[in-house]
Protein backbone atom coordinates (compact mmCIF):
# COMPACT_ATOMS: atom_id res chain seq x y z
CA MET A 1 12.35 4.33 25.11
CA LYS A 2 10.59 2.05 22.01
CA LYS A 3 12.51 0.61 19.56
CA ASP A 4 11.80 1.61 16.06
CA ASN A 5 8.78 -1.09 14.54
CA ILE A 6 10.17 -1.99 11.03
CA ILE A 7 6.45 -2.72 9.90
CA GLN A 8 5.11 0.45 11.02
CA LYS A 9 8.16 2.26 9.12
CA LYS A 10 8.29 0.82 6.01
CA SER A 11 4.31 0.65 5.87
CA TYR A 12 4.20 4.52 5.90
CA ASP A 13 7.02 4.92 3.67
CA PHE A 14 5.15 2.52 0.99
CA ALA A 15 2.19 4.70 1.49
CA VAL A 16 3.99 7.55 0.45
CA ARG A 17 4.94 5.79 -2.68
CA ILE A 18 1.69 4.72 -3.10
CA VAL A 19 0.55 8.53 -2.91
CA LYS A 20 3.43 9.35 -5.29
CA LEU A 21 2.68 6.44 -7.90
CA TYR A 22 -1.29 7.92 -7.85
CA LYS A 23 -0.07 12.13 -8.42
CA TYR A 24 2.02 10.47 -11.47
CA LEU A 25 -0.95 8.32 -12.90
CA VAL A 26 -4.17 10.74 -12.31
CA ASP A 27 -1.22 13.53 -13.83
CA ASN A 28 0.43 12.20 -16.20
CA GLU A 29 -1.34 9.36 -17.39
CA LYS A 30 -4.91 10.71 -17.17
CA GLU A 31 -5.77 7.19 -15.15
CA PHE A 32 -8.46 7.87 -12.43
CA VAL A 33 -10.37 4.23 -11.57
CA LEU A 34 -7.26 2.26 -11.68
CA SER A 35 -5.16 4.48 -9.32
CA LYS A 36 -7.62 5.24 -7.50
CA GLN A 37 -7.73 1.66 -6.40
CA LEU A 38 -4.13 1.77 -5.82
CA LEU A 39 -4.25 4.47 -3.43
CA ARG A 40 -6.82 3.39 -1.18
CA CYS A 41 -5.41 -0.32 -0.81
CA GLY A 42 -1.87 1.00 -0.77
CA THR A 43 -2.07 3.12 2.29
CA SER A 44 -4.37 0.90 3.95
CA ILE A 45 -1.86 -1.02 4.90
CA GLY A 46 -0.22 0.81 6.94
CA ALA A 47 -3.04 2.58 8.05
CA ASN A 48 -3.66 -0.69 9.38
CA VAL A 49 -0.46 -1.50 11.00
CA GLU A 50 -0.98 1.42 12.92
CA GLU A 51 -3.89 0.37 14.48
CA ALA A 52 -2.57 -3.45 15.07
CA ILE A 53 0.17 -1.68 16.47
CA GLY A 54 -2.48 -0.28 19.28
CA GLY A 55 -5.17 -3.23 18.76
CA GLN A 56 -6.91 -3.96 22.49
CA SER A 57 -6.32 -7.20 22.57
CA LYS A 58 -3.97 -10.04 20.96
CA LYS A 59 -7.60 -11.17 19.19
CA ASN A 60 -7.60 -7.29 17.68
CA PHE A 61 -3.79 -6.95 16.79
CA TYR A 62 -3.90 -9.94 14.55
CA ALA A 63 -7.34 -9.16 13.13
CA LYS A 64 -5.68 -5.45 12.12
CA LEU A 65 -2.80 -7.19 10.84
CA THR A 66 -5.00 -10.00 8.83
CA ILE A 67 -6.36 -6.81 7.22
CA ALA A 68 -3.58 -5.12 6.45
CA TYR A 69 -2.15 -8.59 4.40
CA LYS A 70 -5.08 -8.91 2.22
CA GLU A 71 -4.40 -5.15 1.48
CA ALA A 72 -1.14 -5.57 0.60
CA ARG A 73 -1.84 -8.88 -2.03
CA GLU A 74 -4.63 -6.09 -3.58
CA THR A 75 -2.30 -3.53 -4.08
CA HIS A 76 0.16 -6.77 -5.43
CA TYR A 77 -2.67 -7.21 -8.01
CA TRP A 78 -3.23 -3.51 -8.38
CA ILE A 79 0.75 -2.44 -9.78
CA ARG A 80 1.15 -6.27 -11.65
CA LEU A 81 -2.07 -4.76 -13.58
CA LEU A 82 -1.18 -1.22 -13.88
CA ALA A 83 2.42 -3.02 -15.50
CA ASP A 84 0.43 -5.21 -17.84
CA THR A 85 -1.84 -2.36 -19.44
CA ASP A 86 1.45 -0.02 -19.42
CA PHE A 87 0.52 2.67 -17.40
CA ILE A 88 3.46 2.12 -15.40
CA ASN A 89 7.07 0.07 -16.87
CA SER A 90 8.73 -2.57 -15.30
CA GLU A 91 10.98 -0.54 -13.32
CA MET A 92 8.30 1.04 -11.59
CA LYS A 93 6.30 -2.68 -11.15
CA LYS A 94 9.87 -4.36 -9.91
CA SER A 95 10.63 -1.10 -7.64
CA LEU A 96 7.19 -1.79 -5.81
CA ILE A 97 6.52 -5.00 -5.29
């Protein structure tokens, strides 16, 4: 039996949080542009981790993890921007980062 993959679990759990934040931003803040960007890159992290795990070679594995890293950096940007424009509070920002 394969051991649990902590990166796989954390990236999935993070994606769930991002989807919930997206719903909050759209429903409560009526914010549609920044939240869509956040949704795209925030959920892409876990998708790329999943692809890396199923990679056909070490090179493919590395490439997909590199993409996941880049998506995480982009997500960090959007979270900071949402906080600095008062769509989310500092506690939400701190919790996500």
